[in-house]
N, C-alpha and C. Protein backbone atom coordinates (compact mmCIF):
# COMPACT_ATOMS: atom_id res chain seq x y z
N MET A 1 304.32 121.75 -50.05
CA MET A 1 303.90 120.57 -49.34
C MET A 1 304.33 119.28 -50.00
N PRO A 2 305.37 119.29 -50.76
CA PRO A 2 305.76 118.01 -51.35
C PRO A 2 305.99 116.95 -50.27
N LEU A 3 305.55 115.74 -50.56
CA LEU A 3 305.69 114.61 -49.64
C LEU A 3 306.25 113.43 -50.41
N ILE A 4 307.21 112.74 -49.82
CA ILE A 4 307.66 111.45 -50.34
C ILE A 4 307.64 110.47 -49.19
N LYS A 5 306.91 109.37 -49.40
CA LYS A 5 306.77 108.33 -48.39
C LYS A 5 307.23 107.01 -48.99
N VAL A 6 308.17 106.37 -48.31
CA VAL A 6 308.72 105.10 -48.77
C VAL A 6 308.27 104.00 -47.82
N GLN A 7 307.62 102.99 -48.37
CA GLN A 7 307.29 101.78 -47.61
C GLN A 7 308.13 100.67 -48.21
N SER A 8 308.76 99.86 -47.34
CA SER A 8 309.64 98.83 -47.84
C SER A 8 309.56 97.56 -47.01
N SER A 9 309.81 96.45 -47.68
CA SER A 9 309.88 95.17 -46.97
C SER A 9 311.24 94.99 -46.31
N VAL A 10 312.18 95.87 -46.56
CA VAL A 10 313.50 95.78 -45.95
C VAL A 10 313.34 95.88 -44.44
N SER A 11 313.92 94.94 -43.72
CA SER A 11 313.74 94.91 -42.28
C SER A 11 314.94 95.50 -41.55
N ASN A 12 314.62 96.27 -40.56
CA ASN A 12 315.59 96.81 -39.60
C ASN A 12 316.80 97.53 -40.20
N PRO A 13 316.59 98.46 -41.15
CA PRO A 13 317.74 99.23 -41.61
C PRO A 13 318.25 100.11 -40.47
N ALA A 14 319.53 100.37 -40.46
CA ALA A 14 320.14 101.18 -39.41
C ALA A 14 319.52 102.58 -39.39
N PRO A 15 319.30 103.15 -38.20
CA PRO A 15 318.75 104.51 -38.10
C PRO A 15 319.54 105.53 -38.91
N SER A 16 320.85 105.41 -38.94
CA SER A 16 321.67 106.38 -39.70
C SER A 16 321.41 106.22 -41.20
N LEU A 17 321.16 105.00 -41.65
CA LEU A 17 320.85 104.77 -43.06
C LEU A 17 319.51 105.42 -43.41
N ILE A 18 318.52 105.23 -42.55
CA ILE A 18 317.20 105.83 -42.78
C ILE A 18 317.29 107.35 -42.81
N GLU A 19 318.00 107.92 -41.84
CA GLU A 19 318.16 109.38 -41.78
C GLU A 19 318.82 109.89 -43.05
N GLY A 20 319.86 109.22 -43.49
CA GLY A 20 320.54 109.63 -44.73
C GLY A 20 319.64 109.53 -45.94
N LEU A 21 318.89 108.43 -46.03
CA LEU A 21 317.95 108.23 -47.13
C LEU A 21 316.92 109.35 -47.17
N LEU A 22 316.33 109.66 -46.03
CA LEU A 22 315.29 110.70 -45.97
C LEU A 22 315.83 112.07 -46.33
N LYS A 23 317.04 112.38 -45.88
CA LYS A 23 317.64 113.68 -46.21
C LYS A 23 317.93 113.80 -47.70
N ILE A 24 318.44 112.73 -48.29
CA ILE A 24 318.71 112.75 -49.73
C ILE A 24 317.40 112.93 -50.51
N LEU A 25 316.38 112.15 -50.16
CA LEU A 25 315.10 112.24 -50.86
C LEU A 25 314.47 113.61 -50.69
N SER A 26 314.61 114.21 -49.52
CA SER A 26 314.06 115.54 -49.27
C SER A 26 314.66 116.57 -50.23
N GLY A 27 315.97 116.58 -50.31
CA GLY A 27 316.63 117.53 -51.19
C GLY A 27 316.30 117.30 -52.65
N LYS A 28 316.27 116.04 -53.06
CA LYS A 28 315.97 115.72 -54.45
C LYS A 28 314.53 116.09 -54.82
N LEU A 29 313.58 115.81 -53.91
CA LEU A 29 312.19 116.14 -54.21
C LEU A 29 312.01 117.65 -54.34
N ALA A 30 312.61 118.40 -53.44
CA ALA A 30 312.53 119.87 -53.52
C ALA A 30 313.06 120.36 -54.86
N GLN A 31 314.18 119.81 -55.27
CA GLN A 31 314.79 120.21 -56.54
C GLN A 31 313.89 119.85 -57.72
N HIS A 32 313.34 118.66 -57.72
CA HIS A 32 312.51 118.21 -58.84
C HIS A 32 311.24 119.04 -59.00
N VAL A 33 310.61 119.41 -57.89
CA VAL A 33 309.34 120.15 -58.00
C VAL A 33 309.52 121.66 -57.89
N GLY A 34 310.76 122.10 -57.64
CA GLY A 34 311.04 123.53 -57.61
C GLY A 34 310.43 124.25 -56.42
N LYS A 35 310.38 123.58 -55.29
CA LYS A 35 309.83 124.19 -54.08
C LYS A 35 310.87 124.17 -52.98
N PRO A 36 310.75 125.08 -51.99
CA PRO A 36 311.73 125.11 -50.91
C PRO A 36 311.71 123.80 -50.11
N GLU A 37 312.88 123.34 -49.75
CA GLU A 37 312.96 122.10 -48.97
C GLU A 37 312.27 122.26 -47.61
N SER A 38 312.12 123.50 -47.15
CA SER A 38 311.46 123.73 -45.86
C SER A 38 310.01 123.25 -45.86
N TYR A 39 309.43 123.02 -47.04
CA TYR A 39 308.06 122.50 -47.13
C TYR A 39 308.00 121.00 -47.39
N VAL A 40 309.13 120.36 -47.62
CA VAL A 40 309.15 118.94 -47.98
C VAL A 40 309.05 118.07 -46.73
N MET A 41 308.20 117.04 -46.81
CA MET A 41 308.10 116.03 -45.75
C MET A 41 308.52 114.70 -46.34
N THR A 42 309.29 113.94 -45.55
CA THR A 42 309.69 112.60 -45.95
C THR A 42 309.25 111.62 -44.87
N ALA A 43 308.97 110.39 -45.27
CA ALA A 43 308.59 109.36 -44.31
C ALA A 43 309.12 108.03 -44.81
N PHE A 44 309.48 107.16 -43.86
CA PHE A 44 309.97 105.83 -44.21
C PHE A 44 309.34 104.82 -43.28
N GLU A 45 308.82 103.76 -43.87
CA GLU A 45 308.18 102.69 -43.11
C GLU A 45 308.85 101.36 -43.50
N PRO A 46 309.70 100.81 -42.62
CA PRO A 46 310.35 99.53 -42.92
C PRO A 46 309.48 98.36 -42.47
N ASN A 47 309.93 97.17 -42.79
CA ASN A 47 309.30 95.94 -42.31
C ASN A 47 307.85 95.77 -42.76
N VAL A 48 307.49 96.32 -43.90
CA VAL A 48 306.12 96.19 -44.39
C VAL A 48 306.02 94.84 -45.12
N ALA A 49 305.03 94.06 -44.75
CA ALA A 49 304.81 92.78 -45.43
C ALA A 49 304.36 93.07 -46.86
N MET A 50 305.19 92.72 -47.82
CA MET A 50 304.92 93.05 -49.22
C MET A 50 305.38 91.91 -50.13
N THR A 51 304.72 91.80 -51.26
CA THR A 51 305.22 90.96 -52.35
C THR A 51 305.28 91.81 -53.60
N PHE A 52 306.09 91.39 -54.54
CA PHE A 52 306.15 92.01 -55.86
C PHE A 52 306.45 90.88 -56.83
N GLY A 53 305.61 90.72 -57.81
CA GLY A 53 305.80 89.65 -58.77
C GLY A 53 305.69 88.27 -58.14
N GLY A 54 304.95 88.19 -57.04
CA GLY A 54 304.73 86.92 -56.39
C GLY A 54 305.85 86.45 -55.49
N THR A 55 306.86 87.31 -55.25
CA THR A 55 307.96 86.93 -54.37
C THR A 55 308.08 87.91 -53.22
N ILE A 56 308.81 87.50 -52.19
CA ILE A 56 309.02 88.37 -51.02
C ILE A 56 310.42 88.97 -51.01
N GLU A 57 311.11 88.97 -52.15
CA GLU A 57 312.41 89.64 -52.25
C GLU A 57 312.20 91.11 -51.90
N PRO A 58 313.25 91.82 -51.44
CA PRO A 58 313.11 93.23 -51.05
C PRO A 58 312.40 94.06 -52.12
N THR A 59 311.46 94.87 -51.67
CA THR A 59 310.67 95.71 -52.57
C THR A 59 310.31 97.02 -51.87
N CYS A 60 309.88 98.00 -52.66
CA CYS A 60 309.46 99.31 -52.12
C CYS A 60 308.25 99.82 -52.87
N TYR A 61 307.42 100.54 -52.14
CA TYR A 61 306.33 101.32 -52.71
C TYR A 61 306.57 102.75 -52.26
N ILE A 62 306.59 103.68 -53.21
CA ILE A 62 306.88 105.09 -52.90
C ILE A 62 305.70 105.94 -53.35
N GLU A 63 305.28 106.84 -52.47
CA GLU A 63 304.24 107.82 -52.81
C GLU A 63 304.89 109.19 -52.89
N VAL A 64 304.57 109.93 -53.94
CA VAL A 64 305.03 111.30 -54.10
C VAL A 64 303.80 112.16 -54.34
N LYS A 65 303.60 113.14 -53.45
CA LYS A 65 302.46 114.05 -53.59
C LYS A 65 302.97 115.47 -53.63
N ASN A 66 302.27 116.31 -54.39
CA ASN A 66 302.69 117.69 -54.56
C ASN A 66 301.50 118.55 -54.94
N ILE A 67 301.44 119.73 -54.39
CA ILE A 67 300.41 120.69 -54.82
C ILE A 67 300.86 121.26 -56.15
N GLY A 68 299.97 121.17 -57.12
CA GLY A 68 300.30 121.62 -58.47
C GLY A 68 300.39 120.41 -59.39
N THR A 69 300.87 120.64 -60.57
CA THR A 69 300.93 119.60 -61.58
C THR A 69 302.36 119.16 -61.82
N MET A 70 302.58 117.87 -61.77
CA MET A 70 303.87 117.30 -62.12
C MET A 70 303.78 116.82 -63.57
N SER A 71 304.71 117.26 -64.38
CA SER A 71 304.70 116.89 -65.80
C SER A 71 305.24 115.47 -65.99
N PRO A 72 304.93 114.86 -67.13
CA PRO A 72 305.51 113.55 -67.42
C PRO A 72 307.04 113.55 -67.39
N ALA A 73 307.65 114.61 -67.83
CA ALA A 73 309.12 114.69 -67.79
C ALA A 73 309.61 114.71 -66.34
N GLN A 74 308.90 115.44 -65.47
CA GLN A 74 309.28 115.49 -64.06
C GLN A 74 309.13 114.12 -63.40
N THR A 75 308.00 113.45 -63.63
CA THR A 75 307.78 112.17 -62.97
C THR A 75 308.77 111.12 -63.48
N LYS A 76 309.11 111.17 -64.75
CA LYS A 76 310.10 110.24 -65.28
C LYS A 76 311.47 110.47 -64.63
N ALA A 77 311.87 111.74 -64.51
CA ALA A 77 313.15 112.06 -63.88
C ALA A 77 313.15 111.67 -62.41
N MET A 78 312.04 111.91 -61.72
CA MET A 78 311.94 111.53 -60.31
C MET A 78 311.99 110.01 -60.15
N SER A 79 311.32 109.29 -61.02
CA SER A 79 311.33 107.83 -60.95
C SER A 79 312.76 107.31 -61.05
N GLU A 80 313.48 107.82 -62.02
CA GLU A 80 314.88 107.40 -62.19
C GLU A 80 315.72 107.74 -60.97
N ASP A 81 315.58 108.95 -60.49
CA ASP A 81 316.36 109.44 -59.35
C ASP A 81 316.04 108.67 -58.07
N PHE A 82 314.76 108.52 -57.75
CA PHE A 82 314.36 107.87 -56.51
C PHE A 82 314.68 106.37 -56.53
N CYS A 83 314.50 105.73 -57.69
CA CYS A 83 314.87 104.31 -57.78
C CYS A 83 316.36 104.11 -57.56
N GLN A 84 317.17 105.02 -58.08
CA GLN A 84 318.62 104.93 -57.88
C GLN A 84 318.97 105.05 -56.40
N VAL A 85 318.35 106.00 -55.71
CA VAL A 85 318.63 106.20 -54.29
C VAL A 85 318.21 104.98 -53.48
N VAL A 86 317.03 104.45 -53.74
CA VAL A 86 316.54 103.29 -53.01
C VAL A 86 317.42 102.06 -53.29
N SER A 87 317.88 101.95 -54.51
CA SER A 87 318.77 100.85 -54.86
C SER A 87 320.09 100.96 -54.10
N GLU A 88 320.65 102.16 -54.07
CA GLU A 88 321.94 102.37 -53.38
C GLU A 88 321.81 102.21 -51.87
N LYS A 89 320.78 102.78 -51.29
CA LYS A 89 320.66 102.81 -49.83
C LYS A 89 320.03 101.56 -49.23
N LEU A 90 319.05 100.95 -49.94
CA LEU A 90 318.32 99.82 -49.38
C LEU A 90 318.58 98.51 -50.11
N SER A 91 319.36 98.57 -51.18
CA SER A 91 319.63 97.39 -52.01
C SER A 91 318.35 96.79 -52.59
N VAL A 92 317.42 97.66 -52.96
CA VAL A 92 316.19 97.22 -53.63
C VAL A 92 316.35 97.53 -55.12
N SER A 93 316.23 96.51 -55.94
CA SER A 93 316.37 96.68 -57.38
C SER A 93 315.28 97.61 -57.92
N PRO A 94 315.63 98.51 -58.83
CA PRO A 94 314.63 99.41 -59.41
C PRO A 94 313.43 98.69 -60.03
N ASN A 95 313.62 97.45 -60.50
CA ASN A 95 312.49 96.74 -61.08
C ASN A 95 311.59 96.12 -60.02
N ARG A 96 311.86 96.44 -58.74
CA ARG A 96 311.01 96.00 -57.63
C ARG A 96 310.47 97.21 -56.86
N VAL A 97 310.35 98.34 -57.56
CA VAL A 97 309.88 99.59 -56.96
C VAL A 97 308.71 100.12 -57.78
N TYR A 98 307.61 100.39 -57.12
CA TYR A 98 306.50 101.12 -57.73
C TYR A 98 306.47 102.51 -57.09
N ILE A 99 306.20 103.51 -57.92
CA ILE A 99 306.08 104.89 -57.44
C ILE A 99 304.74 105.44 -57.91
N GLU A 100 303.99 105.97 -56.96
CA GLU A 100 302.72 106.63 -57.29
C GLU A 100 302.92 108.13 -57.15
N PHE A 101 302.66 108.85 -58.24
CA PHE A 101 302.74 110.31 -58.24
C PHE A 101 301.32 110.86 -58.18
N ALA A 102 301.07 111.82 -57.29
CA ALA A 102 299.73 112.38 -57.16
C ALA A 102 299.80 113.90 -57.02
N ASP A 103 299.07 114.58 -57.88
CA ASP A 103 298.92 116.03 -57.76
C ASP A 103 297.81 116.31 -56.76
N ALA A 104 298.02 117.29 -55.90
CA ALA A 104 297.02 117.63 -54.89
C ALA A 104 296.54 119.06 -55.09
N LYS A 105 295.27 119.28 -54.81
CA LYS A 105 294.73 120.65 -54.79
C LYS A 105 295.15 121.29 -53.48
N GLY A 106 295.50 122.55 -53.53
CA GLY A 106 295.92 123.26 -52.33
C GLY A 106 294.89 123.23 -51.22
N SER A 107 293.62 123.29 -51.59
CA SER A 107 292.56 123.29 -50.58
C SER A 107 292.37 121.92 -49.93
N MET A 108 293.01 120.90 -50.49
CA MET A 108 292.88 119.55 -49.95
C MET A 108 294.10 119.13 -49.14
N TRP A 109 294.96 120.10 -48.82
CA TRP A 109 296.16 119.80 -48.04
C TRP A 109 296.29 120.83 -46.92
N GLY A 110 296.20 120.35 -45.68
CA GLY A 110 296.25 121.25 -44.53
C GLY A 110 297.66 121.41 -43.98
N TRP A 111 297.90 122.56 -43.39
CA TRP A 111 299.18 122.86 -42.75
C TRP A 111 299.00 124.09 -41.86
N ASN A 112 299.59 124.05 -40.70
CA ASN A 112 299.65 125.22 -39.82
C ASN A 112 298.24 125.81 -39.56
N SER A 113 297.31 124.94 -39.27
CA SER A 113 295.93 125.31 -38.94
C SER A 113 295.14 125.90 -40.10
N SER A 114 295.60 125.70 -41.32
CA SER A 114 294.91 126.20 -42.51
C SER A 114 295.13 125.21 -43.64
N THR A 115 294.95 125.66 -44.88
CA THR A 115 295.25 124.86 -46.04
C THR A 115 296.10 125.69 -47.01
N PHE A 116 296.58 125.05 -48.06
CA PHE A 116 297.38 125.76 -49.06
C PHE A 116 296.50 126.37 -50.15
N GLY A 117 295.17 126.22 -50.04
CA GLY A 117 294.30 126.71 -51.13
C GLY A 117 293.33 127.76 -50.69
């Protein structure tokens, strides 16, 4: 059930750019957490009114959730990887990206009329 959700102040990115971004993030998240990509969900929300450091320059907030425990080494590698992708695809500087990593209990995540726990 890995999930990566990107919220960004970037306005009106092309649909093909968003699709490419989500596909790249999906594959990378699956690889980082060692789970099949068939369980990965990606989401992108553009045009979010946001500030970072008191300015309205392009910025992103990324949520990464996963059942199980993500190690500090994993989250550091994901931070580097995801910031690079967002920088390349959305032109958002890595120093304007916050990423929240959250471990989830299987019983607290539903899917297919049940839960993972």
